[in-house]
Amino acid sequence: MKASYDAIAETYSAIYTDVDDPIRRDYLGRLVARLRSEGGGGGGDTAKVLELGCGAGIPATKFLLETEKPLFHMTGNDISTAQLELAKSNLAKYTDRLALVEGDMLALEFPPASLDAVTGFYSIVHLPREEQTQLMGKIFEWLRPGGYFLANFSILTTSNHEEQKWLGHEKGWMFWAGWGEEKSVEMVENAGLKVEVKEVKQAENDSAYVWVLARKPAA
């Protein structure tokens, strides 16, 4: 997966990150509104957020970093060195509030209850299904009480969907997996989170996903 995303980084950015993304922007706006209504993360005027699979940092990471209330401190994780190099360039003005971490998202470690939100857009679906379940358990631990989780999942039930030349690239081998719409939502709930929003949306020229906005109980 790392080698593939390194090879297709520029192509992927041109297709998926250099264009408007109203669906993702809508859900990010909902997340910001919830945090803003609390006065920020946990009642403060800042919020600590982890983005899983941040890619080149556009549009999601940049959207949050551009938000002034609350003021976001972001950790962007990606498995691709090339994608993170693009993110460094795209987000250079925010280095005081941005940490970029390379590696497998399942290998990440954060102190318990240390994050105000965790997001994952078109990224968690690249993990095998059992690893998606493991990751949700870790996310629950990382979130503070009252913290939020925002991500999308495949509506298809598949343990192993592969493409050898994704985006027409010779080195574009890619893997996806999913529990399907209902079981993906159940996975989030079984981790201990309360699902506040679950909607199926399909962007133009893309597959449909179930979008989930969930919250860790405050007590």
N, C-alpha and C. Protein backbone atom coordinates (compact mmCIF):
# COMPACT_ATOMS: atom_id res chain seq x y z
N MET A 1 0.83 -1.20 0.00
CA MET A 1 0.00 0.00 0.00
C MET A 1 0.87 1.27 0.00
N LYS A 2 1.91 1.29 0.82
CA LYS A 2 2.81 2.44 0.86
C LYS A 2 3.44 2.68 -0.50
N ALA A 3 3.97 1.61 -1.11
CA ALA A 3 4.62 1.76 -2.40
C ALA A 3 3.64 2.28 -3.45
N SER A 4 2.41 1.81 -3.38
CA SER A 4 1.41 2.25 -4.36
C SER A 4 1.08 3.72 -4.19
N TYR A 5 0.82 4.14 -2.97
CA TYR A 5 0.48 5.56 -2.75
C TYR A 5 1.68 6.46 -3.02
N ASP A 6 2.87 5.98 -2.77
CA ASP A 6 4.05 6.77 -3.14
C ASP A 6 4.10 6.97 -4.65
N ALA A 7 3.80 5.92 -5.39
CA ALA A 7 3.89 5.97 -6.85
C ALA A 7 2.79 6.84 -7.47
N ILE A 8 1.61 6.82 -6.89
CA ILE A 8 0.47 7.53 -7.51
C ILE A 8 0.15 8.85 -6.82
N ALA A 9 1.02 9.32 -5.93
CA ALA A 9 0.71 10.49 -5.11
C ALA A 9 0.26 11.69 -5.93
N GLU A 10 1.01 12.03 -6.96
CA GLU A 10 0.68 13.20 -7.77
C GLU A 10 -0.63 12.99 -8.52
N THR A 11 -0.83 11.80 -9.08
CA THR A 11 -2.07 11.50 -9.80
C THR A 11 -3.27 11.56 -8.87
N TYR A 12 -3.12 10.96 -7.69
CA TYR A 12 -4.20 10.95 -6.72
C TYR A 12 -4.57 12.37 -6.31
N SER A 13 -3.57 13.19 -6.05
CA SER A 13 -3.82 14.57 -5.63
C SER A 13 -4.57 15.35 -6.70
N ALA A 14 -4.18 15.15 -7.96
CA ALA A 14 -4.83 15.86 -9.06
C ALA A 14 -6.30 15.48 -9.20
N ILE A 15 -6.62 14.22 -8.90
CA ILE A 15 -7.99 13.74 -9.08
C ILE A 15 -8.85 14.00 -7.85
N TYR A 16 -8.30 13.77 -6.66
CA TYR A 16 -9.13 13.75 -5.46
C TYR A 16 -8.92 14.91 -4.50
N THR A 17 -7.79 15.58 -4.54
CA THR A 17 -7.57 16.61 -3.53
C THR A 17 -7.50 18.02 -4.10
N ASP A 18 -7.34 18.16 -5.39
CA ASP A 18 -7.29 19.49 -5.98
C ASP A 18 -8.64 19.94 -6.51
N VAL A 19 -9.70 19.28 -6.05
CA VAL A 19 -11.05 19.63 -6.48
C VAL A 19 -11.92 19.87 -5.26
N ASP A 20 -13.05 20.53 -5.49
CA ASP A 20 -13.98 20.78 -4.39
C ASP A 20 -14.57 19.46 -3.90
N ASP A 21 -14.78 19.34 -2.62
CA ASP A 21 -15.31 18.11 -2.03
C ASP A 21 -16.43 18.49 -1.07
N PRO A 22 -17.62 18.79 -1.61
CA PRO A 22 -18.69 19.31 -0.76
C PRO A 22 -19.17 18.34 0.31
N ILE A 23 -19.11 17.05 0.05
CA ILE A 23 -19.57 16.08 1.05
C ILE A 23 -18.65 16.09 2.26
N ARG A 24 -17.36 15.99 2.01
CA ARG A 24 -16.41 16.00 3.12
C ARG A 24 -16.46 17.34 3.86
N ARG A 25 -16.58 18.42 3.11
CA ARG A 25 -16.64 19.75 3.72
C ARG A 25 -17.88 19.89 4.60
N ASP A 26 -18.98 19.30 4.16
CA ASP A 26 -20.22 19.35 4.96
C ASP A 26 -20.04 18.66 6.30
N TYR A 27 -19.46 17.46 6.29
CA TYR A 27 -19.30 16.73 7.55
C TYR A 27 -18.26 17.38 8.45
N LEU A 28 -17.21 17.92 7.87
CA LEU A 28 -16.24 18.66 8.67
C LEU A 28 -16.90 19.87 9.32
N GLY A 29 -17.79 20.53 8.59
CA GLY A 29 -18.51 21.65 9.15
C GLY A 29 -19.37 21.24 10.33
N ARG A 30 -19.97 20.07 10.24
CA ARG A 30 -20.79 19.58 11.37
C ARG A 30 -19.92 19.30 12.59
N LEU A 31 -18.74 18.73 12.34
CA LEU A 31 -17.82 18.47 13.45
C LEU A 31 -17.39 19.77 14.10
N VAL A 32 -17.01 20.75 13.30
CA VAL A 32 -16.59 22.04 13.82
C VAL A 32 -17.72 22.68 14.63
N ALA A 33 -18.93 22.60 14.13
CA ALA A 33 -20.08 23.20 14.82
C ALA A 33 -20.28 22.58 16.20
N ARG A 34 -20.10 21.28 16.30
CA ARG A 34 -20.27 20.62 17.59
C ARG A 34 -19.17 21.05 18.56
N LEU A 35 -17.94 21.08 18.09
CA LEU A 35 -16.84 21.51 18.96
C LEU A 35 -16.99 22.98 19.33
N ARG A 36 -17.45 23.78 18.40
CA ARG A 36 -17.63 25.21 18.66
C ARG A 36 -18.72 25.44 19.69
N SER A 37 -19.75 24.63 19.66
CA SER A 37 -20.85 24.79 20.62
C SER A 37 -20.40 24.50 22.04
N GLU A 38 -19.30 23.73 22.16
CA GLU A 38 -18.73 23.44 23.48
C GLU A 38 -17.70 24.48 23.89
N GLY A 39 -17.41 25.39 22.98
CA GLY A 39 -16.36 26.36 23.24
C GLY A 39 -14.99 25.84 22.87
N GLY A 40 -14.96 24.72 22.11
CA GLY A 40 -13.70 24.10 21.71
C GLY A 40 -13.62 22.69 22.24
N GLY A 41 -12.48 22.07 22.14
CA GLY A 41 -12.32 20.72 22.64
C GLY A 41 -12.42 20.65 24.15
N GLY A 42 -13.37 19.89 24.64
CA GLY A 42 -13.51 19.74 26.09
C GLY A 42 -13.80 21.04 26.80
N GLY A 43 -14.38 22.01 26.09
CA GLY A 43 -14.72 23.27 26.72
C GLY A 43 -13.67 24.35 26.59
N GLY A 44 -12.50 24.03 25.99
CA GLY A 44 -11.46 25.02 25.79
C GLY A 44 -11.61 25.71 24.44
N ASP A 45 -10.63 26.55 24.09
CA ASP A 45 -10.73 27.26 22.82
C ASP A 45 -9.84 26.64 21.75
N THR A 46 -9.27 25.46 22.02
CA THR A 46 -8.49 24.72 21.04
C THR A 46 -9.01 23.29 20.96
N ALA A 47 -8.65 22.60 19.90
CA ALA A 47 -9.06 21.21 19.74
C ALA A 47 -7.91 20.41 19.14
N LYS A 48 -7.66 19.23 19.72
CA LYS A 48 -6.61 18.34 19.22
C LYS A 48 -7.28 17.23 18.39
N VAL A 49 -6.85 17.14 17.12
CA VAL A 49 -7.50 16.22 16.19
C VAL A 49 -6.46 15.36 15.48
N LEU A 50 -6.76 14.08 15.35
CA LEU A 50 -5.97 13.16 14.56
C LEU A 50 -6.70 12.85 13.27
N GLU A 51 -6.02 13.02 12.14
CA GLU A 51 -6.58 12.62 10.86
C GLU A 51 -5.85 11.39 10.36
N LEU A 52 -6.58 10.31 10.17
CA LEU A 52 -6.04 9.05 9.69
C LEU A 52 -6.07 9.04 8.16
N GLY A 53 -4.89 8.92 7.55
CA GLY A 53 -4.83 8.96 6.10
C GLY A 53 -5.00 10.37 5.57
N CYS A 54 -4.18 11.28 6.04
CA CYS A 54 -4.33 12.69 5.69
C CYS A 54 -3.90 12.99 4.26
N GLY A 55 -3.13 12.08 3.64
CA GLY A 55 -2.68 12.29 2.27
C GLY A 55 -1.89 13.58 2.13
N ALA A 56 -2.24 14.36 1.12
CA ALA A 56 -1.54 15.61 0.83
C ALA A 56 -2.02 16.77 1.68
N GLY A 57 -2.91 16.49 2.64
CA GLY A 57 -3.37 17.54 3.56
C GLY A 57 -4.48 18.41 3.04
N ILE A 58 -4.98 18.10 1.85
CA ILE A 58 -6.07 18.85 1.25
C ILE A 58 -7.15 17.85 0.83
N PRO A 59 -8.41 18.10 1.15
CA PRO A 59 -8.91 19.34 1.74
C PRO A 59 -9.09 19.32 3.26
N ALA A 60 -9.14 18.13 3.87
CA ALA A 60 -9.62 18.05 5.25
C ALA A 60 -8.68 18.70 6.26
N THR A 61 -7.40 18.34 6.22
CA THR A 61 -6.47 18.91 7.20
C THR A 61 -6.43 20.43 7.08
N LYS A 62 -6.36 20.91 5.86
CA LYS A 62 -6.31 22.35 5.63
C LYS A 62 -7.59 23.03 6.10
N PHE A 63 -8.73 22.41 5.85
CA PHE A 63 -10.01 22.97 6.28
C PHE A 63 -10.01 23.23 7.78
N LEU A 64 -9.56 22.26 8.56
CA LEU A 64 -9.57 22.42 10.01
C LEU A 64 -8.52 23.43 10.46
N LEU A 65 -7.35 23.39 9.86
CA LEU A 65 -6.30 24.34 10.26
C LEU A 65 -6.68 25.78 9.94
N GLU A 66 -7.50 25.98 8.92
CA GLU A 66 -7.96 27.32 8.56
C GLU A 66 -9.07 27.83 9.48
N THR A 67 -9.66 26.93 10.25
CA THR A 67 -10.73 27.31 11.16
C THR A 67 -10.16 28.06 12.36
N GLU A 68 -10.77 29.16 12.70
CA GLU A 68 -10.25 29.98 13.79
C GLU A 68 -10.90 29.68 15.14
N LYS A 69 -12.08 29.11 15.13
CA LYS A 69 -12.76 28.83 16.38
C LYS A 69 -13.49 27.50 16.27
N PRO A 70 -13.02 26.48 17.01
CA PRO A 70 -11.81 26.48 17.83
C PRO A 70 -10.55 26.47 16.98
N LEU A 71 -9.42 26.68 17.61
CA LEU A 71 -8.14 26.64 16.94
C LEU A 71 -7.64 25.19 16.97
N PHE A 72 -7.46 24.61 15.79
CA PHE A 72 -7.14 23.19 15.71
C PHE A 72 -5.63 22.94 15.73
N HIS A 73 -5.25 21.95 16.52
CA HIS A 73 -3.90 21.41 16.52
C HIS A 73 -4.01 20.00 15.94
N MET A 74 -3.40 19.79 14.78
CA MET A 74 -3.63 18.58 14.01
C MET A 74 -2.44 17.63 14.03
N THR A 75 -2.74 16.34 14.09
CA THR A 75 -1.78 15.30 13.78
C THR A 75 -2.28 14.60 12.53
N GLY A 76 -1.50 14.68 11.46
CA GLY A 76 -1.87 14.02 10.21
C GLY A 76 -1.03 12.77 10.02
N ASN A 77 -1.70 11.64 9.88
CA ASN A 77 -1.00 10.37 9.70
C ASN A 77 -1.23 9.84 8.28
N ASP A 78 -0.18 9.31 7.69
CA ASP A 78 -0.32 8.65 6.40
C ASP A 78 0.80 7.64 6.24
N ILE A 79 0.53 6.59 5.49
CA ILE A 79 1.54 5.55 5.28
C ILE A 79 2.51 5.92 4.16
N SER A 80 2.13 6.93 3.36
CA SER A 80 2.91 7.29 2.18
C SER A 80 3.87 8.44 2.42
N THR A 81 5.14 8.21 2.18
CA THR A 81 6.15 9.26 2.29
C THR A 81 5.87 10.37 1.28
N ALA A 82 5.52 9.99 0.06
CA ALA A 82 5.27 10.99 -0.99
C ALA A 82 4.07 11.86 -0.67
N GLN A 83 3.03 11.27 -0.14
CA GLN A 83 1.84 12.05 0.23
C GLN A 83 2.17 13.04 1.34
N LEU A 84 2.95 12.61 2.31
CA LEU A 84 3.30 13.51 3.41
C LEU A 84 4.22 14.63 2.96
N GLU A 85 5.04 14.37 1.97
CA GLU A 85 5.87 15.44 1.41
C GLU A 85 4.99 16.50 0.76
N LEU A 86 3.94 16.08 0.08
CA LEU A 86 2.98 17.03 -0.49
C LEU A 86 2.27 17.80 0.62
N ALA A 87 1.93 17.10 1.69
CA ALA A 87 1.26 17.75 2.82
C ALA A 87 2.16 18.82 3.44
N LYS A 88 3.44 18.51 3.58
CA LYS A 88 4.38 19.49 4.14
C LYS A 88 4.37 20.77 3.31
N SER A 89 4.34 20.61 2.00
CA SER A 89 4.32 21.76 1.11
C SER A 89 2.99 22.49 1.17
N ASN A 90 1.91 21.75 1.12
CA ASN A 90 0.58 22.36 1.09
C ASN A 90 0.21 23.06 2.39
N LEU A 91 0.79 22.61 3.50
CA LEU A 91 0.40 23.11 4.83
C LEU A 91 1.56 23.80 5.54
N ALA A 92 2.52 24.29 4.78
CA ALA A 92 3.74 24.86 5.35
C ALA A 92 3.48 25.99 6.33
N LYS A 93 2.42 26.76 6.13
CA LYS A 93 2.15 27.91 7.00
C LYS A 93 1.58 27.51 8.35
N TYR A 94 1.30 26.21 8.53
CA TYR A 94 0.66 25.77 9.78
C TYR A 94 1.57 24.87 10.62
N THR A 95 2.86 24.93 10.40
CA THR A 95 3.76 23.99 11.07
C THR A 95 3.72 24.09 12.60
N ASP A 96 3.30 25.23 13.12
CA ASP A 96 3.24 25.37 14.58
C ASP A 96 2.06 24.62 15.18
N ARG A 97 1.11 24.22 14.33
CA ARG A 97 -0.06 23.49 14.83
C ARG A 97 -0.27 22.17 14.11
N LEU A 98 0.77 21.68 13.46
CA LEU A 98 0.64 20.47 12.66
C LEU A 98 1.82 19.53 12.89
N ALA A 99 1.50 18.27 13.16
CA ALA A 99 2.51 17.21 13.21
C ALA A 99 2.13 16.15 12.18
N LEU A 100 3.07 15.79 11.33
CA LEU A 100 2.84 14.76 10.31
C LEU A 100 3.58 13.50 10.71
N VAL A 101 2.84 12.40 10.79
CA VAL A 101 3.40 11.14 11.28
C VAL A 101 3.23 10.06 10.22
N GLU A 102 4.36 9.51 9.77
CA GLU A 102 4.32 8.47 8.75
C GLU A 102 4.20 7.10 9.40
N GLY A 103 3.38 6.23 8.78
CA GLY A 103 3.28 4.87 9.27
C GLY A 103 1.87 4.32 9.19
N ASP A 104 1.77 3.05 9.50
CA ASP A 104 0.49 2.34 9.52
C ASP A 104 -0.38 2.92 10.64
N MET A 105 -1.61 3.25 10.33
CA MET A 105 -2.49 3.86 11.34
C MET A 105 -2.75 2.93 12.51
N LEU A 106 -2.71 1.63 12.28
CA LEU A 106 -2.97 0.69 13.37
C LEU A 106 -1.81 0.65 14.36
N ALA A 107 -0.64 1.14 13.96
CA ALA A 107 0.54 1.15 14.85
C ALA A 107 0.65 2.43 15.66
N LEU A 108 -0.26 3.39 15.45
CA LEU A 108 -0.20 4.65 16.17
C LEU A 108 -0.48 4.45 17.66
N GLU A 109 0.12 5.30 18.47
CA GLU A 109 -0.12 5.28 19.91
C GLU A 109 -0.33 6.70 20.41
N PHE A 110 -1.37 6.90 21.21
CA PHE A 110 -1.65 8.18 21.85
C PHE A 110 -2.09 7.92 23.28
N PRO A 111 -1.86 8.85 24.19
CA PRO A 111 -2.33 8.66 25.56
C PRO A 111 -3.85 8.55 25.60
N PRO A 112 -4.37 7.81 26.54
CA PRO A 112 -5.82 7.72 26.68
C PRO A 112 -6.46 9.10 26.88
N ALA A 113 -7.61 9.30 26.29
CA ALA A 113 -8.41 10.52 26.46
C ALA A 113 -7.63 11.79 26.11
N SER A 114 -6.77 11.72 25.09
CA SER A 114 -5.93 12.86 24.75
C SER A 114 -6.38 13.62 23.51
N LEU A 115 -7.37 13.09 22.78
CA LEU A 115 -7.79 13.71 21.53
C LEU A 115 -9.24 14.16 21.60
N ASP A 116 -9.51 15.31 20.99
CA ASP A 116 -10.87 15.83 20.93
C ASP A 116 -11.66 15.24 19.77
N ALA A 117 -10.97 14.81 18.74
CA ALA A 117 -11.64 14.19 17.60
C ALA A 117 -10.64 13.37 16.80
N VAL A 118 -11.16 12.35 16.13
CA VAL A 118 -10.40 11.53 15.19
C VAL A 118 -11.20 11.46 13.91
N THR A 119 -10.54 11.71 12.77
CA THR A 119 -11.22 11.64 11.48
C THR A 119 -10.49 10.65 10.58
N GLY A 120 -11.23 10.09 9.63
CA GLY A 120 -10.64 9.19 8.65
C GLY A 120 -11.48 9.18 7.39
N PHE A 121 -10.99 9.77 6.32
CA PHE A 121 -11.74 9.90 5.09
C PHE A 121 -11.13 9.03 3.99
N TYR A 122 -11.90 8.04 3.53
CA TYR A 122 -11.45 7.15 2.47
C TYR A 122 -10.14 6.45 2.84
N SER A 123 -9.90 6.24 4.10
CA SER A 123 -8.62 5.68 4.53
C SER A 123 -8.77 4.40 5.34
N ILE A 124 -9.67 4.37 6.29
CA ILE A 124 -9.85 3.18 7.12
C ILE A 124 -10.26 1.99 6.26
N VAL A 125 -10.91 2.26 5.13
CA VAL A 125 -11.35 1.19 4.23
C VAL A 125 -10.19 0.43 3.60
N HIS A 126 -8.97 0.94 3.73
CA HIS A 126 -7.81 0.24 3.19
C HIS A 126 -7.28 -0.82 4.15
N LEU A 127 -7.81 -0.87 5.36
CA LEU A 127 -7.40 -1.90 6.32
C LEU A 127 -8.26 -3.15 6.13
N PRO A 128 -7.70 -4.33 6.39
CA PRO A 128 -8.54 -5.53 6.47
C PRO A 128 -9.63 -5.34 7.52
N ARG A 129 -10.73 -6.03 7.36
CA ARG A 129 -11.88 -5.78 8.24
C ARG A 129 -11.56 -5.99 9.71
N GLU A 130 -10.80 -7.02 10.03
CA GLU A 130 -10.48 -7.27 11.43
C GLU A 130 -9.64 -6.14 12.01
N GLU A 131 -8.77 -5.56 11.19
CA GLU A 131 -7.95 -4.44 11.65
C GLU A 131 -8.79 -3.17 11.81
N GLN A 132 -9.82 -3.01 11.01
CA GLN A 132 -10.73 -1.88 11.20
C GLN A 132 -11.37 -1.95 12.59
N THR A 133 -11.77 -3.15 12.98
CA THR A 133 -12.37 -3.34 14.31
C THR A 133 -11.37 -3.04 15.41
N GLN A 134 -10.13 -3.52 15.25
CA GLN A 134 -9.09 -3.23 16.24
C GLN A 134 -8.84 -1.73 16.36
N LEU A 135 -8.81 -1.06 15.22
CA LEU A 135 -8.55 0.37 15.22
C LEU A 135 -9.64 1.13 15.96
N MET A 136 -10.89 0.72 15.79
CA MET A 136 -11.97 1.41 16.49
C MET A 136 -11.81 1.33 18.00
N GLY A 137 -11.32 0.21 18.49
CA GLY A 137 -11.06 0.10 19.92
C GLY A 137 -9.99 1.07 20.38
N LYS A 138 -8.96 1.26 19.58
CA LYS A 138 -7.90 2.21 19.92
C LYS A 138 -8.43 3.64 19.88
N ILE A 139 -9.23 3.94 18.87
CA ILE A 139 -9.79 5.29 18.74
C ILE A 139 -10.63 5.63 19.96
N PHE A 140 -11.42 4.68 20.42
CA PHE A 140 -12.24 4.93 21.62
C PHE A 140 -11.36 5.32 22.80
N GLU A 141 -10.24 4.63 22.98
CA GLU A 141 -9.34 4.94 24.09
C GLU A 141 -8.69 6.31 23.91
N TRP A 142 -8.33 6.67 22.69
CA TRP A 142 -7.66 7.94 22.45
C TRP A 142 -8.56 9.15 22.70
N LEU A 143 -9.85 9.00 22.43
CA LEU A 143 -10.77 10.13 22.55
C LEU A 143 -11.04 10.49 24.00
N ARG A 144 -11.10 11.78 24.27
CA ARG A 144 -11.55 12.23 25.59
C ARG A 144 -13.04 11.95 25.72
N PRO A 145 -13.56 11.87 26.95
CA PRO A 145 -15.01 11.78 27.12
C PRO A 145 -15.69 12.96 26.42
N GLY A 146 -16.66 12.66 25.57
CA GLY A 146 -17.32 13.70 24.80
C GLY A 146 -16.66 13.97 23.47
N GLY A 147 -15.53 13.28 23.16
CA GLY A 147 -14.82 13.49 21.91
C GLY A 147 -15.55 12.86 20.73
N TYR A 148 -15.17 13.26 19.52
CA TYR A 148 -15.90 12.87 18.32
C TYR A 148 -15.07 12.01 17.37
N PHE A 149 -15.78 11.17 16.63
CA PHE A 149 -15.20 10.35 15.57
C PHE A 149 -15.99 10.61 14.29
N LEU A 150 -15.27 10.93 13.20
CA LEU A 150 -15.91 11.21 11.92
C LEU A 150 -15.15 10.45 10.83
N ALA A 151 -15.87 9.59 10.10
CA ALA A 151 -15.22 8.80 9.05
C ALA A 151 -16.26 8.27 8.08
N ASN A 152 -15.77 7.72 6.99
CA ASN A 152 -16.67 7.03 6.06
C ASN A 152 -16.19 5.61 5.83
N PHE A 153 -17.16 4.73 5.54
CA PHE A 153 -16.90 3.31 5.35
C PHE A 153 -17.61 2.82 4.09
N SER A 154 -17.10 1.75 3.53
CA SER A 154 -17.72 1.17 2.34
C SER A 154 -19.10 0.60 2.68
N ILE A 155 -20.03 0.77 1.76
CA ILE A 155 -21.35 0.16 1.94
C ILE A 155 -21.36 -1.27 1.42
N LEU A 156 -20.25 -1.69 0.81
CA LEU A 156 -20.15 -3.05 0.28
C LEU A 156 -19.55 -3.98 1.33
N THR A 157 -20.01 -5.21 1.33
CA THR A 157 -19.47 -6.22 2.23
C THR A 157 -18.42 -7.01 1.46
N THR A 158 -17.17 -6.77 1.76
CA THR A 158 -16.09 -7.46 1.07
C THR A 158 -14.87 -7.56 1.97
N SER A 159 -14.26 -8.74 1.98
CA SER A 159 -13.06 -8.93 2.78
C SER A 159 -11.79 -8.67 1.99
N ASN A 160 -11.92 -8.59 0.66
CA ASN A 160 -10.71 -8.44 -0.14
C ASN A 160 -11.06 -7.97 -1.55
N HIS A 161 -11.09 -6.66 -1.73
CA HIS A 161 -11.28 -6.11 -3.07
C HIS A 161 -9.97 -5.47 -3.51
N GLU A 162 -9.44 -5.92 -4.63
CA GLU A 162 -8.16 -5.42 -5.12
C GLU A 162 -8.28 -4.90 -6.54
N GLU A 163 -7.46 -3.89 -6.84
CA GLU A 163 -7.25 -3.44 -8.21
C GLU A 163 -5.75 -3.39 -8.45
N GLN A 164 -5.34 -3.92 -9.57
CA GLN A 164 -3.90 -4.00 -9.86
C GLN A 164 -3.33 -2.69 -10.40
N LYS A 165 -4.15 -1.93 -11.13
CA LYS A 165 -3.67 -0.69 -11.74
C LYS A 165 -4.69 0.43 -11.50
N TRP A 166 -4.90 0.73 -10.23
CA TRP A 166 -5.86 1.77 -9.85
C TRP A 166 -5.44 3.11 -10.43
N LEU A 167 -6.42 3.87 -10.87
CA LEU A 167 -6.21 5.17 -11.51
C LEU A 167 -5.37 5.05 -12.77
N GLY A 168 -5.31 3.84 -13.32
CA GLY A 168 -4.58 3.62 -14.56
C GLY A 168 -3.08 3.61 -14.40
N HIS A 169 -2.61 3.50 -13.16
CA HIS A 169 -1.17 3.57 -12.90
C HIS A 169 -0.58 2.16 -12.84
N GLU A 170 0.54 1.96 -13.49
CA GLU A 170 1.19 0.64 -13.52
C GLU A 170 1.54 0.14 -12.13
N LYS A 171 1.86 1.05 -11.21
CA LYS A 171 2.21 0.67 -9.85
C LYS A 171 1.07 0.98 -8.87
N GLY A 172 -0.15 1.00 -9.38
CA GLY A 172 -1.28 1.42 -8.56
C GLY A 172 -2.07 0.30 -7.91
N TRP A 173 -1.38 -0.78 -7.47
CA TRP A 173 -2.11 -1.84 -6.76
C TRP A 173 -2.79 -1.25 -5.53
N MET A 174 -4.06 -1.62 -5.32
CA MET A 174 -4.80 -1.07 -4.19
C MET A 174 -5.73 -2.12 -3.59
N PHE A 175 -5.97 -1.97 -2.30
CA PHE A 175 -6.78 -2.93 -1.53
C PHE A 175 -7.84 -2.18 -0.73
N TRP A 176 -9.05 -2.74 -0.71
CA TRP A 176 -10.13 -2.21 0.13
C TRP A 176 -10.85 -3.37 0.82
N ALA A 177 -11.48 -3.06 1.95
CA ALA A 177 -12.31 -4.04 2.63
C ALA A 177 -13.42 -3.31 3.36
N GLY A 178 -14.51 -3.99 3.62
CA GLY A 178 -15.61 -3.34 4.33
C GLY A 178 -16.59 -4.33 4.92
N TRP A 179 -17.21 -3.90 6.01
CA TRP A 179 -18.23 -4.71 6.68
C TRP A 179 -19.62 -4.45 6.09
N GLY A 180 -19.73 -3.46 5.20
CA GLY A 180 -21.05 -3.07 4.72
C GLY A 180 -21.63 -1.98 5.60
N GLU A 181 -22.72 -1.38 5.12
CA GLU A 181 -23.28 -0.21 5.80
C GLU A 181 -23.66 -0.48 7.26
N GLU A 182 -24.52 -1.43 7.49
CA GLU A 182 -25.04 -1.64 8.84
C GLU A 182 -23.97 -2.17 9.79
N LYS A 183 -23.17 -3.11 9.34
CA LYS A 183 -22.16 -3.68 10.22
C LYS A 183 -21.03 -2.70 10.51
N SER A 184 -20.77 -1.78 9.58
CA SER A 184 -19.77 -0.75 9.87
C SER A 184 -20.25 0.16 10.99
N VAL A 185 -21.53 0.52 10.94
CA VAL A 185 -22.11 1.35 12.00
C VAL A 185 -22.09 0.57 13.32
N GLU A 186 -22.43 -0.71 13.26
CA GLU A 186 -22.38 -1.55 14.46
C GLU A 186 -20.97 -1.61 15.03
N MET A 187 -19.98 -1.69 14.17
CA MET A 187 -18.59 -1.73 14.62
C MET A 187 -18.25 -0.49 15.43
N VAL A 188 -18.69 0.66 14.96
CA VAL A 188 -18.45 1.91 15.68
C VAL A 188 -19.17 1.89 17.03
N GLU A 189 -20.40 1.44 17.03
CA GLU A 189 -21.18 1.38 18.27
C GLU A 189 -20.59 0.36 19.24
N ASN A 190 -20.15 -0.77 18.73
CA ASN A 190 -19.58 -1.81 19.59
C ASN A 190 -18.28 -1.36 20.25
N ALA A 191 -17.61 -0.39 19.64
CA ALA A 191 -16.39 0.15 20.24
C ALA A 191 -16.71 1.03 21.45
N GLY A 192 -17.97 1.42 21.59
CA GLY A 192 -18.38 2.22 22.73
C GLY A 192 -18.84 3.62 22.38
N LEU A 193 -18.86 3.95 21.08
CA LEU A 193 -19.24 5.29 20.65
C LEU A 193 -20.74 5.36 20.34
N LYS A 194 -21.32 6.52 20.55
CA LYS A 194 -22.72 6.75 20.23
C LYS A 194 -22.81 7.42 18.87
N VAL A 195 -23.45 6.76 17.92
CA VAL A 195 -23.56 7.30 16.57
C VAL A 195 -24.64 8.38 16.53
N GLU A 196 -24.25 9.58 16.13
CA GLU A 196 -25.18 10.69 16.04
C GLU A 196 -25.66 10.92 14.61
N VAL A 197 -24.82 10.58 13.63
CA VAL A 197 -25.18 10.75 12.22
C VAL A 197 -24.70 9.52 11.46
N LYS A 198 -25.57 8.97 10.63
CA LYS A 198 -25.16 7.91 9.69
C LYS A 198 -25.95 8.12 8.40
N GLU A 199 -25.22 8.41 7.34
CA GLU A 199 -25.85 8.74 6.07
C GLU A 199 -25.04 8.15 4.93
N VAL A 200 -25.72 7.66 3.92
CA VAL A 200 -25.05 7.18 2.72
C VAL A 200 -25.00 8.31 1.70
N LYS A 201 -23.81 8.61 1.24
CA LYS A 201 -23.61 9.68 0.26
C LYS A 201 -22.72 9.15 -0.87
N GLN A 202 -22.97 9.66 -2.07
CA GLN A 202 -22.16 9.29 -3.21
C GLN A 202 -21.74 10.53 -3.96
N ALA A 203 -20.44 10.75 -4.03
CA ALA A 203 -19.92 11.88 -4.79
C ALA A 203 -19.94 11.54 -6.27
N GLU A 204 -19.90 12.56 -7.09
CA GLU A 204 -19.90 12.36 -8.53
C GLU A 204 -18.68 11.55 -8.95
N ASN A 205 -18.92 10.53 -9.78
CA ASN A 205 -17.85 9.67 -10.29
C ASN A 205 -17.11 8.92 -9.19
N ASP A 206 -17.81 8.60 -8.12
CA ASP A 206 -17.19 7.86 -7.02
C ASP A 206 -18.17 6.86 -6.46
N SER A 207 -17.69 5.96 -5.61
CA SER A 207 -18.54 4.97 -4.97
C SER A 207 -19.32 5.62 -3.83
N ALA A 208 -20.36 4.94 -3.39
CA ALA A 208 -21.13 5.41 -2.24
C ALA A 208 -20.48 4.92 -0.96
N TYR A 209 -20.54 5.76 0.07
CA TYR A 209 -20.00 5.42 1.39
C TYR A 209 -21.02 5.78 2.45
N VAL A 210 -20.94 5.07 3.59
CA VAL A 210 -21.72 5.48 4.74
C VAL A 210 -20.85 6.38 5.60
N TRP A 211 -21.36 7.57 5.86
CA TRP A 211 -20.64 8.58 6.66
C TRP A 211 -21.16 8.49 8.09
N VAL A 212 -20.22 8.44 9.02
CA VAL A 212 -20.58 8.25 10.43
C VAL A 212 -19.94 9.37 11.27
N LEU A 213 -20.77 10.03 12.05
CA LEU A 213 -20.29 10.98 13.05
C LEU A 213 -20.76 10.45 14.40
N ALA A 214 -19.80 10.12 15.25
CA ALA A 214 -20.13 9.48 16.53
C ALA A 214 -19.41 10.20 17.66
N ARG A 215 -19.87 9.94 18.88
CA ARG A 215 -19.31 10.62 20.04
C ARG A 215 -19.06 9.63 21.17
N LYS A 216 -17.96 9.83 21.86
CA LYS A 216 -17.68 9.04 23.05
C LYS A 216 -18.51 9.60 24.20
N PRO A 217 -19.19 8.76 24.93
CA PRO A 217 -20.01 9.28 26.04
C PRO A 217 -19.21 10.15 26.97
N ALA A 218 -19.86 11.20 27.44
CA ALA A 218 -19.17 12.17 28.29
C ALA A 218 -18.89 11.62 29.68
N ALA A 219 -19.65 10.63 30.07
CA ALA A 219 -19.46 10.05 31.41
C ALA A 219 -19.72 8.55 31.36
